[in-house]
Amino acid sequence: MRKLLTASVLAIWAIFLAMPLANAVQPGEILPDPALEKRARTISAELRCLVCQNQSIDDSDAPLAGDLRRLVRERIMAHDNDAQVLDYIVARYGEFVLLKPRFEVSTLLLWLTPILVLFGGIVLVIRATKPSLNAAGAPLSENEKAKLEEILASKDQ
């Protein structure tokens, strides 16, 4: 029974590990030249499926992803370089189609937010762990001294 359970767990892990290797590219989409196909796959891995949104068009089975894959291959066959292909797709579908947005003025907040949050967290931790001046060693006023003596005297009785 234990061997069966171990074998089942290993089979499930093998399936999960093989999932990224399964691409949605259909046989009819593959370019005959392996170098061009490799370029197409590289570009497709950088483009977001507009239906799935968390997958590249290379991994998505959505019809729109298939259209984008074919469009990438058409642009490659038209002798566009990689940057021209990406520019063409971005011009048609907007910056959102890129899985990794470009560093531009319009995306500056997107790129800087993690750094700002990190620095803000560091400042909060420092402020929270830094001892305050009042609690650390500020001298007691005359009223506070008198009240303290009164409390201590009442405890002794």
C-alpha atoms as a PDB file:
ATOM      1  CA  MET A   1       0.000   0.000   0.000  1.00  0.00           C
ATOM      2  CA  ARG A   2       2.836   2.352   0.875  1.00  0.00           C
ATOM      3  CA  LYS A   3       4.584   1.654  -2.443  1.00  0.00           C
ATOM      4  CA  LEU A   4       1.367   2.443  -4.317  1.00  0.00           C
ATOM      5  CA  LEU A   5       1.006   5.737  -2.457  1.00  0.00           C
ATOM      6  CA  THR A   6       4.638   6.667  -3.166  1.00  0.00           C
ATOM      7  CA  ALA A   7       4.236   5.797  -6.842  1.00  0.00           C
ATOM      8  CA  SER A   8       1.060   7.899  -7.045  1.00  0.00           C
ATOM      9  CA  VAL A   9       2.744  10.894  -5.454  1.00  0.00           C
ATOM     10  CA  LEU A  10       5.698  10.578  -7.833  1.00  0.00           C
ATOM     11  CA  ALA A  11       3.364  10.349 -10.820  1.00  0.00           C
ATOM     12  CA  ILE A  12       1.513  13.481  -9.741  1.00  0.00           C
ATOM     13  CA  TRP A  13       4.802  15.346  -9.289  1.00  0.00           C
ATOM     14  CA  ALA A  14       5.963  14.215 -12.720  1.00  0.00           C
ATOM     15  CA  ILE A  15       2.767  15.575 -14.264  1.00  0.00           C
ATOM     16  CA  PHE A  16       3.156  18.938 -12.521  1.00  0.00           C
ATOM     17  CA  LEU A  17       6.796  19.190 -13.532  1.00  0.00           C
ATOM     18  CA  ALA A  18       5.979  18.375 -17.151  1.00  0.00           C
ATOM     19  CA  MET A  19       3.179  20.955 -17.398  1.00  0.00           C
ATOM     20  CA  PRO A  20       5.437  23.905 -18.296  1.00  0.00           C
ATOM     21  CA  LEU A  21       6.867  21.836 -21.137  1.00  0.00           C
ATOM     22  CA  ALA A  22       3.463  21.467 -22.776  1.00  0.00           C
ATOM     23  CA  ASN A  23       2.976  24.384 -25.143  1.00  0.00           C
ATOM     24  CA  ALA A  24      -0.214  25.313 -26.867  1.00  0.00           C
ATOM     25  CA  VAL A  25       1.443  25.838 -30.240  1.00  0.00           C
ATOM     26  CA  GLN A  26      -0.402  23.823 -32.829  1.00  0.00           C
ATOM     27  CA  PRO A  27       1.530  21.758 -35.410  1.00  0.00           C
ATOM     28  CA  GLY A  28       0.220  23.926 -38.246  1.00  0.00           C
ATOM     29  CA  GLU A  29       1.679  27.054 -36.639  1.00  0.00           C
ATOM     30  CA  ILE A  30       5.258  25.795 -36.434  1.00  0.00           C
ATOM     31  CA  LEU A  31       7.634  27.443 -38.880  1.00  0.00           C
ATOM     32  CA  PRO A  32       9.721  25.126 -41.102  1.00  0.00           C
ATOM     33  CA  ASP A  33      12.998  26.884 -40.193  1.00  0.00           C
ATOM     34  CA  PRO A  34      14.042  25.893 -36.623  1.00  0.00           C
ATOM     35  CA  ALA A  35      15.887  29.190 -36.079  1.00  0.00           C
ATOM     36  CA  LEU A  36      12.808  31.225 -36.995  1.00  0.00           C
ATOM     37  CA  GLU A  37      10.612  28.965 -34.867  1.00  0.00           C
ATOM     38  CA  LYS A  38      12.935  29.514 -31.912  1.00  0.00           C
ATOM     39  CA  ARG A  39      12.647  33.288 -32.399  1.00  0.00           C
ATOM     40  CA  ALA A  40       8.875  32.990 -32.586  1.00  0.00           C
ATOM     41  CA  ARG A  41       8.798  30.988 -29.338  1.00  0.00           C
ATOM     42  CA  THR A  42      11.043  33.501 -27.607  1.00  0.00           C
ATOM     43  CA  ILE A  43       8.825  36.405 -28.663  1.00  0.00           C
ATOM     44  CA  SER A  44       5.654  34.486 -27.807  1.00  0.00           C
ATOM     45  CA  ALA A  45       6.962  33.863 -24.294  1.00  0.00           C
ATOM     46  CA  GLU A  46       7.141  37.646 -23.787  1.00  0.00           C
ATOM     47  CA  LEU A  47       3.538  38.295 -24.826  1.00  0.00           C
ATOM     48  CA  ARG A  48       0.539  37.987 -22.513  1.00  0.00           C
ATOM     49  CA  CYS A  49      -2.580  36.115 -23.510  1.00  0.00           C
ATOM     50  CA  LEU A  50      -5.276  38.775 -23.395  1.00  0.00           C
ATOM     51  CA  VAL A  51      -7.870  36.165 -22.418  1.00  0.00           C
ATOM     52  CA  CYS A  52      -5.923  34.267 -19.735  1.00  0.00           C
ATOM     53  CA  GLN A  53      -3.826  37.282 -18.643  1.00  0.00           C
ATOM     54  CA  ASN A  54      -1.407  35.234 -16.532  1.00  0.00           C
ATOM     55  CA  GLN A  55      -0.069  33.071 -19.341  1.00  0.00           C
ATOM     56  CA  SER A  56       2.081  33.776 -22.318  1.00  0.00           C
ATOM     57  CA  ILE A  57       0.541  33.240 -25.723  1.00  0.00           C
ATOM     58  CA  ASP A  58       2.966  30.336 -26.128  1.00  0.00           C
ATOM     59  CA  ASP A  59       1.265  28.511 -23.219  1.00  0.00           C
ATOM     60  CA  SER A  60      -2.350  29.476 -23.835  1.00  0.00           C
ATOM     61  CA  ASP A  61      -4.970  27.488 -25.737  1.00  0.00           C
ATOM     62  CA  ALA A  62      -7.259  30.509 -26.167  1.00  0.00           C
ATOM     63  CA  PRO A  63      -8.187  31.317 -29.782  1.00  0.00           C
ATOM     64  CA  LEU A  64      -6.902  34.886 -29.407  1.00  0.00           C
ATOM     65  CA  ALA A  65      -3.521  33.530 -28.255  1.00  0.00           C
ATOM     66  CA  GLY A  66      -3.427  31.378 -31.386  1.00  0.00           C
ATOM     67  CA  ASP A  67      -4.153  34.461 -33.499  1.00  0.00           C
ATOM     68  CA  LEU A  68      -1.318  36.329 -31.790  1.00  0.00           C
ATOM     69  CA  ARG A  69       1.076  33.401 -32.310  1.00  0.00           C
ATOM     70  CA  ARG A  70       0.225  33.374 -36.019  1.00  0.00           C
ATOM     71  CA  LEU A  71       0.655  37.163 -36.175  1.00  0.00           C
ATOM     72  CA  VAL A  72       4.110  36.882 -34.584  1.00  0.00           C
ATOM     73  CA  ARG A  73       5.095  34.241 -37.127  1.00  0.00           C
ATOM     74  CA  GLU A  74       3.749  36.369 -39.994  1.00  0.00           C
ATOM     75  CA  ARG A  75       5.864  39.322 -38.863  1.00  0.00           C
ATOM     76  CA  ILE A  76       8.940  37.085 -38.556  1.00  0.00           C
ATOM     77  CA  MET A  77       8.325  35.733 -42.067  1.00  0.00           C
ATOM     78  CA  ALA A  78       8.060  39.382 -43.230  1.00  0.00           C
ATOM     79  CA  HIS A  79      11.683  39.747 -42.018  1.00  0.00           C
ATOM     80  CA  ASP A  80      10.914  41.950 -38.997  1.00  0.00           C
ATOM     81  CA  ASN A  81      13.448  41.757 -36.181  1.00  0.00           C
ATOM     82  CA  ASP A  82      12.316  40.873 -32.651  1.00  0.00           C
ATOM     83  CA  ALA A  83      11.915  44.504 -31.550  1.00  0.00           C
ATOM     84  CA  GLN A  84       9.842  45.319 -34.630  1.00  0.00           C
ATOM     85  CA  VAL A  85       7.564  42.331 -33.991  1.00  0.00           C
ATOM     86  CA  LEU A  86       7.015  43.383 -30.374  1.00  0.00           C
ATOM     87  CA  ASP A  87       6.448  47.015 -31.408  1.00  0.00           C
ATOM     88  CA  TYR A  88       3.881  45.900 -33.979  1.00  0.00           C
ATOM     89  CA  ILE A  89       1.967  43.807 -31.435  1.00  0.00           C
ATOM     90  CA  VAL A  90       2.125  46.575 -28.788  1.00  0.00           C
ATOM     91  CA  ALA A  91       0.903  49.135 -31.334  1.00  0.00           C
ATOM     92  CA  ARG A  92      -2.160  46.961 -32.016  1.00  0.00           C
ATOM     93  CA  TYR A  93      -2.942  45.698 -28.487  1.00  0.00           C
ATOM     94  CA  GLY A  94      -1.268  48.166 -26.096  1.00  0.00           C
ATOM     95  CA  GLU A  95       1.439  47.800 -23.429  1.00  0.00           C
ATOM     96  CA  PHE A  96      -0.702  45.349 -21.457  1.00  0.00           C
ATOM     97  CA  VAL A  97       0.132  42.625 -23.987  1.00  0.00           C
ATOM     98  CA  LEU A  98       3.731  42.545 -22.689  1.00  0.00           C
ATOM     99  CA  LEU A  99       4.311  40.181 -19.770  1.00  0.00           C
ATOM    100  CA  LYS A 100       7.252  42.347 -18.679  1.00  0.00           C
ATOM    101  CA  PRO A 101       6.334  46.006 -19.250  1.00  0.00           C
ATOM    102  CA  ARG A 102       8.926  48.346 -20.667  1.00  0.00           C
ATOM    103  CA  PHE A 103      10.618  50.883 -18.378  1.00  0.00           C
ATOM    104  CA  GLU A 104       9.032  54.143 -19.571  1.00  0.00           C
ATOM    105  CA  VAL A 105       7.477  57.234 -18.009  1.00  0.00           C
ATOM    106  CA  SER A 106       4.018  55.669 -18.246  1.00  0.00           C
ATOM    107  CA  THR A 107       5.177  52.555 -16.342  1.00  0.00           C
ATOM    108  CA  LEU A 108       7.467  54.331 -13.866  1.00  0.00           C
ATOM    109  CA  LEU A 109       5.053  53.920 -10.951  1.00  0.00           C
ATOM    110  CA  LEU A 110       4.676  50.228 -11.753  1.00  0.00           C
ATOM    111  CA  TRP A 111       8.446  49.708 -11.608  1.00  0.00           C
ATOM    112  CA  LEU A 112       9.106  51.927  -8.576  1.00  0.00           C
ATOM    113  CA  THR A 113       6.241  50.775  -6.328  1.00  0.00           C
ATOM    114  CA  PRO A 114       8.054  47.665  -4.992  1.00  0.00           C
ATOM    115  CA  ILE A 115      11.106  49.764  -4.101  1.00  0.00           C
ATOM    116  CA  LEU A 116       8.953  52.423  -2.411  1.00  0.00           C
ATOM    117  CA  VAL A 117       7.068  49.782  -0.431  1.00  0.00           C
ATOM    118  CA  LEU A 118      10.351  48.174   0.649  1.00  0.00           C
ATOM    119  CA  PHE A 119      11.803  51.488   1.858  1.00  0.00           C
ATOM    120  CA  GLY A 120       8.523  52.361   3.582  1.00  0.00           C
ATOM    121  CA  GLY A 121       8.596  49.014   5.407  1.00  0.00           C
ATOM    122  CA  ILE A 122      12.191  49.572   6.496  1.00  0.00           C
ATOM    123  CA  VAL A 123      11.300  53.030   7.843  1.00  0.00           C
ATOM    124  CA  LEU A 124       8.323  51.600   9.750  1.00  0.00           C
ATOM    125  CA  VAL A 125      10.450  48.829  11.280  1.00  0.00           C
ATOM    126  CA  ILE A 126      13.127  51.305  12.334  1.00  0.00           C
ATOM    127  CA  ARG A 127      10.551  53.646  13.870  1.00  0.00           C
ATOM    128  CA  ALA A 128       8.819  50.787  15.667  1.00  0.00           C
ATOM    129  CA  THR A 129      12.023  49.382  17.144  1.00  0.00           C
ATOM    130  CA  LYS A 130      13.660  52.713  18.007  1.00  0.00           C
ATOM    131  CA  PRO A 131      13.110  53.550  21.671  1.00  0.00           C
ATOM    132  CA  SER A 132      11.155  56.726  22.204  1.00  0.00           C
ATOM    133  CA  LEU A 133      12.721  59.596  24.127  1.00  0.00           C
ATOM    134  CA  ASN A 134       9.905  59.844  26.688  1.00  0.00           C
ATOM    135  CA  ALA A 135      10.046  56.190  27.677  1.00  0.00           C
ATOM    136  CA  ALA A 136      13.818  55.872  27.675  1.00  0.00           C
ATOM    137  CA  GLY A 137      15.111  58.447  30.108  1.00  0.00           C
ATOM    138  CA  ALA A 138      13.259  61.713  30.308  1.00  0.00           C
ATOM    139  CA  PRO A 139      13.455  63.028  33.903  1.00  0.00           C
ATOM    140  CA  LEU A 140      10.295  63.153  35.997  1.00  0.00           C
ATOM    141  CA  SER A 141       8.690  66.478  36.682  1.00  0.00           C
ATOM    142  CA  GLU A 142       8.147  67.619  40.267  1.00  0.00           C
ATOM    143  CA  ASN A 143       4.451  66.669  40.106  1.00  0.00           C
ATOM    144  CA  GLU A 144       5.325  63.184  38.801  1.00  0.00           C
ATOM    145  CA  LYS A 145       7.925  62.710  41.569  1.00  0.00           C
ATOM    146  CA  ALA A 146       5.416  63.722  44.247  1.00  0.00           C
ATOM    147  CA  LYS A 147       2.774  61.385  42.843  1.00  0.00           C
ATOM    148  CA  LEU A 148       5.281  58.504  42.665  1.00  0.00           C
ATOM    149  CA  GLU A 149       6.309  59.029  46.305  1.00  0.00           C
ATOM    150  CA  GLU A 150       2.651  59.092  47.311  1.00  0.00           C
ATOM    151  CA  ILE A 151       1.980  55.772  45.491  1.00  0.00           C
ATOM    152  CA  LEU A 152       5.034  54.131  47.028  1.00  0.00           C
ATOM    153  CA  ALA A 153       4.108  55.387  50.496  1.00  0.00           C
ATOM    154  CA  SER A 154       0.563  54.015  50.158  1.00  0.00           C
ATOM    155  CA  LYS A 155       1.955  50.576  49.169  1.00  0.00           C
ATOM    156  CA  ASP A 156       4.155  50.433  52.285  1.00  0.00           C
ATOM    157  CA  GLN A 157       1.156  50.781  54.589  1.00  0.00           C
END
